């Protein structure tokens, strides 16, 4: 699962999110982090900004293998909100796997 983090270098909440997000991801290896800078000149970054209609930063998107957005979080979350945002799809995947067995 990909985790897209949209932000900007001048954005204080984006900077404040960096360490808690890094810490949360150390215990959740199933997420591949992709950072997208709002001011990036790269065509791929511009495409992601348009496609996902990013209007505020920081914005986090959880995206499945097919590119479908599973969850969206806008703004600076608390540690508890961030963990819940990341854990919900993990728990859902475990339930699906358990049903198949």
PDB file of N, CA and C in Angstrom:
ATOM      1  N   UNK A   1       0.849  -1.173   0.000  1.00  0.00           N
ATOM      2  CA  UNK A   1       0.000   0.000   0.000  1.00  0.00           C
ATOM      3  C   UNK A   1       0.897   1.240   0.000  1.00  0.00           C
ATOM      4  N   UNK A   2       0.519   2.210  -0.794  1.00  0.00           N
ATOM      5  CA  UNK A   2       1.292   3.460  -0.845  1.00  0.00           C
ATOM      6  C   UNK A   2       0.655   4.503   0.054  1.00  0.00           C
ATOM      7  N   UNK A   3       1.509   5.265   0.701  1.00  0.00           N
ATOM      8  CA  UNK A   3       1.075   6.410   1.497  1.00  0.00           C
ATOM      9  C   UNK A   3       1.652   7.643   0.826  1.00  0.00           C
ATOM     10  N   UNK A   4       0.778   8.472   0.285  1.00  0.00           N
ATOM     11  CA  UNK A   4       1.211   9.711  -0.350  1.00  0.00           C
ATOM     12  C   UNK A   4       1.116  10.831   0.667  1.00  0.00           C
ATOM     13  N   UNK A   5       2.219  11.541   0.850  1.00  0.00           N
ATOM     14  CA  UNK A   5       2.250  12.681   1.770  1.00  0.00           C
ATOM     15  C   UNK A   5       2.462  13.938   0.930  1.00  0.00           C
ATOM     16  N   UNK A   6       1.437  14.774   0.872  1.00  0.00           N
ATOM     17  CA  UNK A   6       1.518  16.031   0.143  1.00  0.00           C
ATOM     18  C   UNK A   6       1.861  17.132   1.130  1.00  0.00           C
ATOM     19  N   UNK A   7       2.880  17.919   0.796  1.00  0.00           N
ATOM     20  CA  UNK A   7       3.302  18.988   1.687  1.00  0.00           C
ATOM     21  C   UNK A   7       4.107  20.030   0.942  1.00  0.00           C
ATOM     22  N   UNK A   8       4.688  20.939   1.713  1.00  0.00           N
ATOM     23  CA  UNK A   8       5.531  21.994   1.154  1.00  0.00           C
ATOM     24  C   UNK A   8       6.614  22.347   2.166  1.00  0.00           C
ATOM     25  N   UNK A   9       7.744  22.806   1.676  1.00  0.00           N
ATOM     26  CA  UNK A   9       8.861  23.145   2.558  1.00  0.00           C
ATOM     27  C   UNK A   9       8.530  24.289   3.506  1.00  0.00           C
ATOM     28  N   UNK A  10       7.669  25.204   3.085  1.00  0.00           N
ATOM     29  CA  UNK A  10       7.318  26.361   3.896  1.00  0.00           C
ATOM     30  C   UNK A  10       6.205  26.060   4.907  1.00  0.00           C
ATOM     31  N   UNK A  11       5.638  24.875   4.859  1.00  0.00           N
ATOM     32  CA  UNK A  11       4.466  24.503   5.666  1.00  0.00           C
ATOM     33  C   UNK A  11       4.879  23.982   7.044  1.00  0.00           C
ATOM     34  N   UNK A  12       4.590  24.750   8.089  1.00  0.00           N
ATOM     35  CA  UNK A  12       4.948  24.347   9.463  1.00  0.00           C
ATOM     36  C   UNK A  12       4.249  23.053   9.894  1.00  0.00           C
ATOM     37  N   UNK A  13       2.942  22.874   9.639  1.00  0.00           N
ATOM     38  CA  UNK A  13       2.314  21.600  10.005  1.00  0.00           C
ATOM     39  C   UNK A  13       2.920  20.396   9.270  1.00  0.00           C
ATOM     40  N   UNK A  14       3.363  20.614   8.030  1.00  0.00           N
ATOM     41  CA  UNK A  14       4.007  19.535   7.272  1.00  0.00           C
ATOM     42  C   UNK A  14       5.305  19.113   7.961  1.00  0.00           C
ATOM     43  N   UNK A  15       6.057  20.095   8.419  1.00  0.00           N
ATOM     44  CA  UNK A  15       7.304  19.813   9.132  1.00  0.00           C
ATOM     45  C   UNK A  15       7.011  19.105  10.453  1.00  0.00           C
ATOM     46  N   UNK A  16       5.969  19.541  11.145  1.00  0.00           N
ATOM     47  CA  UNK A  16       5.616  18.938  12.431  1.00  0.00           C
ATOM     48  C   UNK A  16       5.147  17.492  12.264  1.00  0.00           C
ATOM     49  N   UNK A  17       4.605  17.149  11.114  1.00  0.00           N
ATOM     50  CA  UNK A  17       4.115  15.803  10.852  1.00  0.00           C
ATOM     51  C   UNK A  17       5.245  14.823  10.547  1.00  0.00           C
ATOM     52  N   UNK A  18       6.386  15.309  10.105  1.00  0.00           N
ATOM     53  CA  UNK A  18       7.465  14.452   9.615  1.00  0.00           C
ATOM     54  C   UNK A  18       7.914  13.399  10.639  1.00  0.00           C
ATOM     55  N   UNK A  19       8.266  13.801  11.837  1.00  0.00           N
ATOM     56  CA  UNK A  19       8.785  12.843  12.823  1.00  0.00           C
ATOM     57  C   UNK A  19       7.724  11.856  13.314  1.00  0.00           C
ATOM     58  N   UNK A  20       6.512  12.308  13.679  1.00  0.00           N
ATOM     59  CA  UNK A  20       5.499  11.323  14.094  1.00  0.00           C
ATOM     60  C   UNK A  20       5.153  10.330  12.985  1.00  0.00           C
ATOM     61  N   UNK A  21       5.131  10.793  11.746  1.00  0.00           N
ATOM     62  CA  UNK A  21       4.836   9.905  10.628  1.00  0.00           C
ATOM     63  C   UNK A  21       5.955   8.887  10.451  1.00  0.00           C
ATOM     64  N   UNK A  22       7.186   9.351  10.523  1.00  0.00           N
ATOM     65  CA  UNK A  22       8.332   8.460  10.400  1.00  0.00           C
ATOM     66  C   UNK A  22       8.295   7.396  11.500  1.00  0.00           C
ATOM     67  N   UNK A  23       7.999   7.814  12.721  1.00  0.00           N
ATOM     68  CA  UNK A  23       7.926   6.871  13.846  1.00  0.00           C
ATOM     69  C   UNK A  23       6.802   5.858  13.638  1.00  0.00           C
ATOM     70  N   UNK A  24       5.653   6.319  13.177  1.00  0.00           N
ATOM     71  CA  UNK A  24       4.514   5.425  12.957  1.00  0.00           C
ATOM     72  C   UNK A  24       4.814   4.406  11.865  1.00  0.00           C
ATOM     73  N   UNK A  25       5.537   4.823  10.851  1.00  0.00           N
ATOM     74  CA  UNK A  25       5.821   3.920   9.728  1.00  0.00           C
ATOM     75  C   UNK A  25       6.879   2.877  10.057  1.00  0.00           C
ATOM     76  N   UNK A  26       7.692   3.118  11.077  1.00  0.00           N
ATOM     77  CA  UNK A  26       8.712   2.123  11.436  1.00  0.00           C
ATOM     78  C   UNK A  26       8.075   0.816  11.900  1.00  0.00           C
ATOM     79  N   UNK A  27       6.874   0.883  12.443  1.00  0.00           N
ATOM     80  CA  UNK A  27       6.185  -0.325  12.907  1.00  0.00           C
ATOM     81  C   UNK A  27       5.119  -0.786  11.915  1.00  0.00           C
ATOM     82  N   UNK A  28       5.066  -0.161  10.765  1.00  0.00           N
ATOM     83  CA  UNK A  28       4.078  -0.514   9.741  1.00  0.00           C
ATOM     84  C   UNK A  28       4.766  -0.619   8.375  1.00  0.00           C
ATOM     85  N   UNK A  29       5.544  -1.684   8.182  1.00  0.00           N
ATOM     86  CA  UNK A  29       6.336  -1.803   6.947  1.00  0.00           C
ATOM     87  C   UNK A  29       5.504  -2.024   5.679  1.00  0.00           C
ATOM     88  N   UNK A  30       4.212  -2.270   5.814  1.00  0.00           N
ATOM     89  CA  UNK A  30       3.389  -2.497   4.628  1.00  0.00           C
ATOM     90  C   UNK A  30       3.127  -1.222   3.830  1.00  0.00           C
ATOM     91  N   UNK A  31       3.518  -0.069   4.381  1.00  0.00           N
ATOM     92  CA  UNK A  31       3.296   1.194   3.682  1.00  0.00           C
ATOM     93  C   UNK A  31       4.571   1.667   3.001  1.00  0.00           C
ATOM     94  N   UNK A  32       4.422   2.065   1.753  1.00  0.00           N
ATOM     95  CA  UNK A  32       5.517   2.656   0.984  1.00  0.00           C
ATOM     96  C   UNK A  32       5.239   4.157   0.917  1.00  0.00           C
ATOM     97  N   UNK A  33       6.079   4.952   1.562  1.00  0.00           N
ATOM     98  CA  UNK A  33       5.878   6.403   1.624  1.00  0.00           C
ATOM     99  C   UNK A  33       6.383   7.078   0.355  1.00  0.00           C
ATOM    100  N   UNK A  34       5.544   7.950  -0.200  1.00  0.00           N
ATOM    101  CA  UNK A  34       5.931   8.792  -1.328  1.00  0.00           C
ATOM    102  C   UNK A  34       5.607  10.229  -0.947  1.00  0.00           C
ATOM    103  N   UNK A  35       6.626  11.064  -0.890  1.00  0.00           N
ATOM    104  CA  UNK A  35       6.455  12.470  -0.524  1.00  0.00           C
ATOM    105  C   UNK A  35       6.301  13.285  -1.798  1.00  0.00           C
ATOM    106  N   UNK A  36       5.261  14.115  -1.832  1.00  0.00           N
ATOM    107  CA  UNK A  36       4.992  14.963  -2.990  1.00  0.00           C
ATOM    108  C   UNK A  36       5.021  16.417  -2.525  1.00  0.00           C
ATOM    109  N   UNK A  37       5.969  17.184  -3.065  1.00  0.00           N
ATOM    110  CA  UNK A  37       6.121  18.593  -2.700  1.00  0.00           C
ATOM    111  C   UNK A  37       5.192  19.445  -3.555  1.00  0.00           C
ATOM    112  N   UNK A  38       4.432  20.279  -2.904  1.00  0.00           N
ATOM    113  CA  UNK A  38       3.476  21.166  -3.563  1.00  0.00           C
ATOM    114  C   UNK A  38       4.140  22.044  -4.619  1.00  0.00           C
ATOM    115  N   UNK A  39       5.391  22.388  -4.391  1.00  0.00           N
ATOM    116  CA  UNK A  39       6.095  23.296  -5.302  1.00  0.00           C
ATOM    117  C   UNK A  39       6.972  22.560  -6.311  1.00  0.00           C
ATOM    118  N   UNK A  40       6.832  21.247  -6.387  1.00  0.00           N
ATOM    119  CA  UNK A  40       7.654  20.450  -7.279  1.00  0.00           C
ATOM    120  C   UNK A  40       7.377  20.790  -8.738  1.00  0.00           C
ATOM    121  N   UNK A  41       8.412  20.742  -9.522  1.00  0.00           N
ATOM    122  CA  UNK A  41       8.283  20.982 -10.962  1.00  0.00           C
ATOM    123  C   UNK A  41       8.135  19.666 -11.733  1.00  0.00           C
ATOM    124  N   UNK A  42       8.274  18.534 -11.043  1.00  0.00           N
ATOM    125  CA  UNK A  42       8.186  17.231 -11.707  1.00  0.00           C
ATOM    126  C   UNK A  42       6.768  16.992 -12.227  1.00  0.00           C
ATOM    127  N   UNK A  43       6.665  16.525 -13.455  1.00  0.00           N
ATOM    128  CA  UNK A  43       5.355  16.277 -14.068  1.00  0.00           C
ATOM    129  C   UNK A  43       4.537  15.264 -13.284  1.00  0.00           C
ATOM    130  N   UNK A  44       5.187  14.226 -12.768  1.00  0.00           N
ATOM    131  CA  UNK A  44       4.481  13.207 -11.998  1.00  0.00           C
ATOM    132  C   UNK A  44       3.848  13.809 -10.745  1.00  0.00           C
ATOM    133  N   UNK A  45       4.577  14.685 -10.047  1.00  0.00           N
ATOM    134  CA  UNK A  45       4.040  15.329  -8.848  1.00  0.00           C
ATOM    135  C   UNK A  45       2.854  16.231  -9.197  1.00  0.00           C
ATOM    136  N   UNK A  46       2.979  16.982 -10.292  1.00  0.00           N
ATOM    137  CA  UNK A  46       1.878  17.855 -10.722  1.00  0.00           C
ATOM    138  C   UNK A  46       0.639  17.032 -11.042  1.00  0.00           C
ATOM    139  N   UNK A  47       0.851  15.887 -11.686  1.00  0.00           N
ATOM    140  CA  UNK A  47      -0.259  15.000 -12.027  1.00  0.00           C
ATOM    141  C   UNK A  47      -0.945  14.474 -10.769  1.00  0.00           C
ATOM    142  N   UNK A  48      -0.163  14.069  -9.776  1.00  0.00           N
ATOM    143  CA  UNK A  48      -0.735  13.574  -8.519  1.00  0.00           C
ATOM    144  C   UNK A  48      -1.538  14.656  -7.810  1.00  0.00           C
ATOM    145  N   UNK A  49      -1.022  15.881  -7.807  1.00  0.00           N
ATOM    146  CA  UNK A  49      -1.728  16.995  -7.165  1.00  0.00           C
ATOM    147  C   UNK A  49      -3.083  17.237  -7.831  1.00  0.00           C
ATOM    148  N   UNK A  50      -3.102  17.211  -9.148  1.00  0.00           N
ATOM    149  CA  UNK A  50      -4.358  17.439  -9.880  1.00  0.00           C
ATOM    150  C   UNK A  50      -5.324  16.266  -9.720  1.00  0.00           C
ATOM    151  N   UNK A  51      -4.809  15.061  -9.914  1.00  0.00           N
ATOM    152  CA  UNK A  51      -5.656  13.869  -9.880  1.00  0.00           C
ATOM    153  C   UNK A  51      -6.338  13.694  -8.528  1.00  0.00           C
ATOM    154  N   UNK A  52      -5.625  14.004  -7.458  1.00  0.00           N
ATOM    155  CA  UNK A  52      -6.175  13.802  -6.116  1.00  0.00           C
ATOM    156  C   UNK A  52      -6.775  15.075  -5.514  1.00  0.00           C
ATOM    157  N   UNK A  53      -6.843  16.133  -6.325  1.00  0.00           N
ATOM    158  CA  UNK A  53      -7.482  17.394  -5.918  1.00  0.00           C
ATOM    159  C   UNK A  53      -6.965  17.893  -4.565  1.00  0.00           C
ATOM    160  N   UNK A  54      -5.662  18.014  -4.465  1.00  0.00           N
ATOM    161  CA  UNK A  54      -5.044  18.483  -3.221  1.00  0.00           C
ATOM    162  C   UNK A  54      -5.232  19.986  -3.125  1.00  0.00           C
ATOM    163  N   UNK A  55      -5.895  20.421  -2.065  1.00  0.00           N
ATOM    164  CA  UNK A  55      -6.170  21.841  -1.860  1.00  0.00           C
ATOM    165  C   UNK A  55      -5.571  22.378  -0.576  1.00  0.00           C
ATOM    166  N   UNK A  56      -5.092  21.490   0.287  1.00  0.00           N
ATOM    167  CA  UNK A  56      -4.503  21.913   1.559  1.00  0.00           C
ATOM    168  C   UNK A  56      -3.379  20.947   1.917  1.00  0.00           C
ATOM    169  N   UNK A  57      -2.413  21.455   2.645  1.00  0.00           N
ATOM    170  CA  UNK A  57      -1.315  20.613   3.112  1.00  0.00           C
ATOM    171  C   UNK A  57      -1.163  20.790   4.620  1.00  0.00           C
ATOM    172  N   UNK A  58      -0.747  19.747   5.310  1.00  0.00           N
ATOM    173  CA  UNK A  58      -0.436  18.426   4.784  1.00  0.00           C
ATOM    174  C   UNK A  58      -1.697  17.617   4.479  1.00  0.00           C
ATOM    175  N   UNK A  59      -1.580  16.772   3.473  1.00  0.00           N
ATOM    176  CA  UNK A  59      -2.622  15.809   3.143  1.00  0.00           C
ATOM    177  C   UNK A  59      -1.955  14.453   2.996  1.00  0.00           C
ATOM    178  N   UNK A  60      -2.548  13.444   3.630  1.00  0.00           N
ATOM    179  CA  UNK A  60      -2.081  12.064   3.509  1.00  0.00           C
ATOM    180  C   UNK A  60      -3.144  11.262   2.783  1.00  0.00           C
ATOM    181  N   UNK A  61      -2.709  10.450   1.819  1.00  0.00           N
ATOM    182  CA  UNK A  61      -3.619   9.556   1.105  1.00  0.00           C
ATOM    183  C   UNK A  61      -3.072   8.140   1.184  1.00  0.00           C
ATOM    184  N   UNK A  62      -3.933   7.193   1.531  1.00  0.00           N
ATOM    185  CA  UNK A  62      -3.579   5.781   1.445  1.00  0.00           C
ATOM    186  C   UNK A  62      -4.140   5.269   0.132  1.00  0.00           C
ATOM    187  N   UNK A  63      -3.273   4.704  -0.693  1.00  0.00           N
ATOM    188  CA  UNK A  63      -3.646   4.283  -2.039  1.00  0.00           C
ATOM    189  C   UNK A  63      -3.315   2.801  -2.202  1.00  0.00           C
ATOM    190  N   UNK A  64      -4.264   2.035  -2.754  1.00  0.00           N
ATOM    191  CA  UNK A  64      -4.011   0.605  -2.969  1.00  0.00           C
ATOM    192  C   UNK A  64      -3.187   0.391  -4.237  1.00  0.00           C
ATOM    193  N   UNK A  65      -2.924  -0.877  -4.545  1.00  0.00           N
ATOM    194  CA  UNK A  65      -2.076  -1.236  -5.689  1.00  0.00           C
ATOM    195  C   UNK A  65      -2.670  -0.777  -7.017  1.00  0.00           C
ATOM    196  N   UNK A  66      -3.993  -0.669  -7.074  1.00  0.00           N
ATOM    197  CA  UNK A  66      -4.663  -0.246  -8.301  1.00  0.00           C
ATOM    198  C   UNK A  66      -4.737   1.278  -8.441  1.00  0.00           C
ATOM    199  N   UNK A  67      -4.273   2.000  -7.418  1.00  0.00           N
ATOM    200  CA  UNK A  67      -4.306   3.457  -7.461  1.00  0.00           C
ATOM    201  C   UNK A  67      -5.543   4.073  -6.840  1.00  0.00           C
ATOM    202  N   UNK A  68      -6.401   3.241  -6.260  1.00  0.00           N
ATOM    203  CA  UNK A  68      -7.629   3.729  -5.637  1.00  0.00           C
ATOM    204  C   UNK A  68      -7.325   4.304  -4.252  1.00  0.00           C
ATOM    205  N   UNK A  69      -7.862   5.491  -3.987  1.00  0.00           N
ATOM    206  CA  UNK A  69      -7.662   6.128  -2.680  1.00  0.00           C
ATOM    207  C   UNK A  69      -8.562   5.435  -1.661  1.00  0.00           C
ATOM    208  N   UNK A  70      -7.937   4.891  -0.628  1.00  0.00           N
ATOM    209  CA  UNK A  70      -8.670   4.191   0.428  1.00  0.00           C
ATOM    210  C   UNK A  70      -9.034   5.115   1.577  1.00  0.00           C
ATOM    211  N   UNK A  71      -8.125   6.037   1.898  1.00  0.00           N
ATOM    212  CA  UNK A  71      -8.350   6.954   3.010  1.00  0.00           C
ATOM    213  C   UNK A  71      -7.653   8.274   2.722  1.00  0.00           C
ATOM    214  N   UNK A  72      -8.194   9.352   3.296  1.00  0.00           N
ATOM    215  CA  UNK A  72      -7.638  10.699   3.130  1.00  0.00           C
ATOM    216  C   UNK A  72      -7.629  11.368   4.500  1.00  0.00           C
ATOM    217  N   UNK A  73      -6.533  12.049   4.797  1.00  0.00           N
ATOM    218  CA  UNK A  73      -6.403  12.793   6.049  1.00  0.00           C
ATOM    219  C   UNK A  73      -5.797  14.152   5.721  1.00  0.00           C
ATOM    220  N   UNK A  74      -6.525  15.204   6.042  1.00  0.00           N
ATOM    221  CA  UNK A  74      -6.073  16.564   5.743  1.00  0.00           C
ATOM    222  C   UNK A  74      -5.789  17.285   7.047  1.00  0.00           C
ATOM    223  N   UNK A  75      -4.642  17.957   7.096  1.00  0.00           N
ATOM    224  CA  UNK A  75      -4.274  18.711   8.293  1.00  0.00           C
ATOM    225  C   UNK A  75      -3.292  17.933   9.155  1.00  0.00           C
ATOM    226  N   UNK A  76      -2.969  18.517  10.292  1.00  0.00           N
ATOM    227  CA  UNK A  76      -2.002  17.924  11.215  1.00  0.00           C
ATOM    228  C   UNK A  76      -2.745  17.077  12.246  1.00  0.00           C
ATOM    229  N   UNK A  77      -2.637  15.757  12.145  1.00  0.00           N
ATOM    230  CA  UNK A  77      -3.347  14.899  13.085  1.00  0.00           C
ATOM    231  C   UNK A  77      -2.577  14.742  14.398  1.00  0.00           C
ATOM    232  N   UNK A  78      -3.299  14.342  15.437  1.00  0.00           N
ATOM    233  CA  UNK A  78      -2.624  13.943  16.673  1.00  0.00           C
ATOM    234  C   UNK A  78      -1.967  12.588  16.415  1.00  0.00           C
ATOM    235  N   UNK A  79      -1.127  12.163  17.314  1.00  0.00           N
ATOM    236  CA  UNK A  79      -0.485  10.850  17.167  1.00  0.00           C
ATOM    237  C   UNK A  79      -1.539   9.751  17.097  1.00  0.00           C
ATOM    238  N   UNK A  80      -2.543   9.844  17.947  1.00  0.00           N
ATOM    239  CA  UNK A  80      -3.609   8.842  18.000  1.00  0.00           C
ATOM    240  C   UNK A  80      -4.404   8.822  16.683  1.00  0.00           C
ATOM    241  N   UNK A  81      -4.725   9.991  16.135  1.00  0.00           N
ATOM    242  CA  UNK A  81      -5.445  10.074  14.858  1.00  0.00           C
ATOM    243  C   UNK A  81      -4.607   9.481  13.715  1.00  0.00           C
ATOM    244  N   UNK A  82      -3.319   9.769  13.733  1.00  0.00           N
ATOM    245  CA  UNK A  82      -2.416   9.255  12.699  1.00  0.00           C
ATOM    246  C   UNK A  82      -2.352   7.732  12.755  1.00  0.00           C
ATOM    247  N   UNK A  83      -2.212   7.184  13.953  1.00  0.00           N
ATOM    248  CA  UNK A  83      -2.146   5.736  14.100  1.00  0.00           C
ATOM    249  C   UNK A  83      -3.451   5.075  13.669  1.00  0.00           C
ATOM    250  N   UNK A  84      -4.588   5.667  14.015  1.00  0.00           N
ATOM    251  CA  UNK A  84      -5.885   5.122  13.610  1.00  0.00           C
ATOM    252  C   UNK A  84      -6.035   5.172  12.084  1.00  0.00           C
ATOM    253  N   UNK A  85      -5.576   6.248  11.482  1.00  0.00           N
ATOM    254  CA  UNK A  85      -5.627   6.410  10.024  1.00  0.00           C
ATOM    255  C   UNK A  85      -4.844   5.285   9.339  1.00  0.00           C
ATOM    256  N   UNK A  86      -3.678   4.958   9.871  1.00  0.00           N
ATOM    257  CA  UNK A  86      -2.833   3.925   9.285  1.00  0.00           C
ATOM    258  C   UNK A  86      -3.322   2.518   9.620  1.00  0.00           C
ATOM    259  N   UNK A  87      -3.861   2.340  10.816  1.00  0.00           N
ATOM    260  CA  UNK A  87      -4.226   0.995  11.271  1.00  0.00           C
ATOM    261  C   UNK A  87      -5.541   0.475  10.699  1.00  0.00           C
ATOM    262  N   UNK A  88      -6.461   1.349  10.349  1.00  0.00           N
ATOM    263  CA  UNK A  88      -7.771   0.895   9.872  1.00  0.00           C
ATOM    264  C   UNK A  88      -7.660  -0.018   8.647  1.00  0.00           C
ATOM    265  N   UNK A  89      -6.909   0.345   7.602  1.00  0.00           N
ATOM    266  CA  UNK A  89      -6.822  -0.561   6.450  1.00  0.00           C
ATOM    267  C   UNK A  89      -6.059  -1.852   6.761  1.00  0.00           C
ATOM    268  N   UNK A  90      -5.139  -1.794   7.705  1.00  0.00           N
ATOM    269  CA  UNK A  90      -4.408  -3.001   8.106  1.00  0.00           C
ATOM    270  C   UNK A  90      -5.379  -3.980   8.759  1.00  0.00           C
ATOM    271  N   UNK A  91      -6.208  -3.476   9.663  1.00  0.00           N
ATOM    272  CA  UNK A  91      -7.192  -4.323  10.344  1.00  0.00           C
ATOM    273  C   UNK A  91      -8.202  -4.894   9.344  1.00  0.00           C
ATOM    274  N   UNK A  92      -8.635  -4.071   8.388  1.00  0.00           N
ATOM    275  CA  UNK A  92      -9.588  -4.533   7.372  1.00  0.00           C
ATOM    276  C   UNK A  92      -8.971  -5.651   6.529  1.00  0.00           C
ATOM    277  N   UNK A  93      -7.711  -5.522   6.178  1.00  0.00           N
ATOM    278  CA  UNK A  93      -7.031  -6.553   5.384  1.00  0.00           C
ATOM    279  C   UNK A  93      -6.919  -7.852   6.177  1.00  0.00           C
ATOM    280  N   UNK A  94      -6.639  -7.736   7.472  1.00  0.00           N
ATOM    281  CA  UNK A  94      -6.559  -8.936   8.317  1.00  0.00           C
ATOM    282  C   UNK A  94      -7.907  -9.643   8.396  1.00  0.00           C
ATOM    283  N   UNK A  95      -8.993  -8.868   8.504  1.00  0.00           N
ATOM    284  CA  UNK A  95     -10.335  -9.468   8.564  1.00  0.00           C
ATOM    285  C   UNK A  95     -10.653 -10.202   7.264  1.00  0.00           C
ATOM    286  N   UNK A  96     -10.331  -9.558   6.125  1.00  0.00           N
ATOM    287  CA  UNK A  96     -10.569 -10.204   4.831  1.00  0.00           C
ATOM    288  C   UNK A  96      -9.782 -11.496   4.712  1.00  0.00           C
ATOM    289  N   UNK A  97      -8.546 -11.470   5.145  1.00  0.00           N
ATOM    290  CA  UNK A  97      -7.678 -12.653   5.068  1.00  0.00           C
ATOM    291  C   UNK A  97      -8.222 -13.767   5.962  1.00  0.00           C
ATOM    292  N   UNK A  98      -8.700 -13.413   7.161  1.00  0.00           N
ATOM    293  CA  UNK A  98      -9.240 -14.399   8.090  1.00  0.00           C
ATOM    294  C   UNK A  98     -10.503 -15.053   7.513  1.00  0.00           C
ATOM    295  N   UNK A  99     -11.334 -14.275   6.811  1.00  0.00           N
ATOM    296  CA  UNK A  99     -12.552 -14.821   6.224  1.00  0.00           C
ATOM    297  C   UNK A  99     -12.231 -15.821   5.110  1.00  0.00           C
ATOM    298  N   UNK A 100     -11.135 -15.591   4.402  1.00  0.00           N
ATOM    299  CA  UNK A 100     -10.757 -16.451   3.298  1.00  0.00           C
ATOM    300  C   UNK A 100     -10.182 -17.789   3.772  1.00  0.00           C
ATOM    301  N   UNK A 101      -9.740 -17.827   5.001  1.00  0.00           N
ATOM    302  CA  UNK A 101      -9.103 -19.058   5.510  1.00  0.00           C
ATOM    303  C   UNK A 101     -10.085 -20.017   6.092  1.00  0.00           C
TER     304      UNK A 101
END
